């Protein structure tokens, strides 16, 4: 009988994927750091395979993501900006397009996002 992905594994995978994307790393980049294939990283991100705790220190160093954020700090209602982003429709498409851009275009997109965010906050006032 095939193992069904546990909700916990799926949640950790989604947070791992969001952190990886936010740090502009590919699955191959993470796989190389962990000594696994990019396909294995895909399985971690989908929750198909459980992410070994032994990988947490490497992930923290590689993507600046604290392992306690991966497990939600022990609080099942814990929610991070990464979770919010990952759950947003179109986030995966946006992240994929972003990763395909040059660094100079990424800087432009970052500045545009900051500007639009400030404009949106001003509109709410």
Protein backbone atom coordinates (compact mmCIF):
# COMPACT_ATOMS: atom_id res chain seq x y z
CA UNK A 1 0.00 0.00 0.00
CA UNK A 2 1.42 3.40 -0.99
CA UNK A 3 2.11 5.88 1.77
CA UNK A 4 -0.34 8.78 1.80
CA UNK A 5 1.25 12.18 2.32
CA UNK A 6 0.54 13.37 5.85
CA UNK A 7 -0.84 16.89 6.26
CA UNK A 8 2.26 17.69 8.32
CA UNK A 9 4.60 16.62 5.50
CA UNK A 10 2.59 18.58 2.94
CA UNK A 11 2.69 21.71 5.13
CA UNK A 12 6.45 21.42 5.64
CA UNK A 13 6.91 20.87 1.90
CA UNK A 14 4.88 23.96 1.04
CA UNK A 15 6.92 26.07 3.46
CA UNK A 16 10.15 24.62 2.08
CA UNK A 17 9.07 25.42 -1.48
CA UNK A 18 8.07 28.99 -0.57
CA UNK A 19 11.37 29.58 1.22
CA UNK A 20 13.34 28.13 -1.68
CA UNK A 21 11.54 30.32 -4.19
CA UNK A 22 11.90 33.41 -2.01
CA UNK A 23 15.65 32.80 -1.88
CA UNK A 24 15.84 32.45 -5.69
CA UNK A 25 17.13 28.87 -5.50
CA UNK A 26 16.13 26.07 -7.84
CA UNK A 27 15.26 22.55 -6.79
CA UNK A 28 18.56 21.49 -8.32
CA UNK A 29 20.42 24.05 -6.17
CA UNK A 30 18.81 22.66 -3.02
CA UNK A 31 19.33 19.08 -4.17
CA UNK A 32 23.03 19.71 -4.72
CA UNK A 33 23.36 21.20 -1.23
CA UNK A 34 21.54 18.27 0.37
CA UNK A 35 23.21 15.59 -1.76
CA UNK A 36 19.94 14.48 -3.35
CA UNK A 37 18.37 14.84 -6.79
CA UNK A 38 16.04 17.66 -7.75
CA UNK A 39 13.34 14.99 -8.02
CA UNK A 40 13.84 14.21 -4.34
CA UNK A 41 13.48 17.91 -3.52
CA UNK A 42 10.21 17.86 -5.52
CA UNK A 43 9.02 14.97 -3.35
CA UNK A 44 9.93 16.87 -0.17
CA UNK A 45 8.05 19.94 -1.43
CA UNK A 46 4.95 17.92 -2.33
CA UNK A 47 5.03 16.06 0.99
CA UNK A 48 5.41 12.71 -0.77
CA UNK A 49 8.62 12.05 1.16
CA UNK A 50 9.31 13.35 4.64
CA UNK A 51 12.09 15.96 4.88
CA UNK A 52 14.77 14.51 7.19
CA UNK A 53 15.61 16.65 10.20
CA UNK A 54 19.29 16.20 9.35
CA UNK A 55 18.74 18.53 6.37
CA UNK A 56 17.43 21.44 8.49
CA UNK A 57 20.83 23.00 9.31
CA UNK A 58 21.82 22.99 5.63
CA UNK A 59 18.48 24.52 4.63
CA UNK A 60 18.81 27.19 7.28
CA UNK A 61 22.21 28.16 5.95
CA UNK A 62 21.28 27.86 2.26
CA UNK A 63 17.96 29.70 2.26
CA UNK A 64 18.06 31.56 5.56
CA UNK A 65 15.03 29.69 6.79
CA UNK A 66 14.85 28.73 10.46
CA UNK A 67 13.87 25.07 10.92
CA UNK A 68 11.29 26.10 13.54
CA UNK A 69 9.50 27.97 10.75
CA UNK A 70 9.37 24.70 8.79
CA UNK A 71 7.44 23.06 11.60
CA UNK A 72 5.43 26.12 12.52
CA UNK A 73 7.16 26.70 15.84
CA UNK A 74 5.04 23.94 17.38
CA UNK A 75 1.88 26.02 16.95
CA UNK A 76 -0.53 24.31 14.52
CA UNK A 77 -2.15 27.68 13.75
CA UNK A 78 1.24 29.26 12.94
CA UNK A 79 1.12 31.16 9.67
CA UNK A 80 4.00 32.89 7.93
CA UNK A 81 4.28 35.22 4.98
CA UNK A 82 5.57 32.21 3.04
CA UNK A 83 2.37 30.31 3.78
CA UNK A 84 0.27 33.27 2.69
CA UNK A 85 2.27 33.63 -0.52
CA UNK A 86 2.20 29.91 -1.33
CA UNK A 87 -1.58 29.82 -0.84
CA UNK A 88 -2.21 32.79 -3.14
CA UNK A 89 -3.61 31.93 -6.59
CA UNK A 90 -0.94 32.53 -9.20
CA UNK A 91 1.95 32.44 -6.71
CA UNK A 92 3.62 29.45 -8.34
CA UNK A 93 3.34 31.03 -11.80
CA UNK A 94 4.73 34.31 -10.49
CA UNK A 95 7.61 32.59 -8.68
CA UNK A 96 8.48 30.51 -11.74
CA UNK A 97 8.52 33.59 -13.97
CA UNK A 98 10.60 35.47 -11.40
CA UNK A 99 13.20 32.70 -11.31
CA UNK A 100 13.49 32.89 -15.10
CA UNK A 101 14.42 36.57 -15.03
CA UNK A 102 17.84 38.17 -14.97
CA UNK A 103 19.02 39.72 -11.70
CA UNK A 104 18.47 43.23 -13.07
CA UNK A 105 14.85 42.41 -13.94
CA UNK A 106 14.34 40.82 -10.53
CA UNK A 107 15.50 44.07 -8.94
CA UNK A 108 12.98 45.98 -11.06
CA UNK A 109 10.18 43.59 -10.08
CA UNK A 110 11.17 43.85 -6.41
CA UNK A 111 11.09 47.64 -6.57
CA UNK A 112 7.74 47.57 -8.38
CA UNK A 113 6.28 45.24 -5.73
CA UNK A 114 7.54 47.50 -2.93
CA UNK A 115 6.11 50.57 -4.65
CA UNK A 116 2.75 48.90 -5.26
CA UNK A 117 2.66 47.64 -1.68
CA UNK A 118 3.25 51.15 -0.33
CA UNK A 119 0.56 52.53 -2.66
CA UNK A 120 -1.87 49.84 -1.47
CA UNK A 121 -1.15 50.63 2.19
CA UNK A 122 -1.68 54.35 1.52
CA UNK A 123 -5.02 53.62 -0.21
CA UNK A 124 -6.28 51.77 2.90
CA UNK A 125 -5.73 54.82 5.12
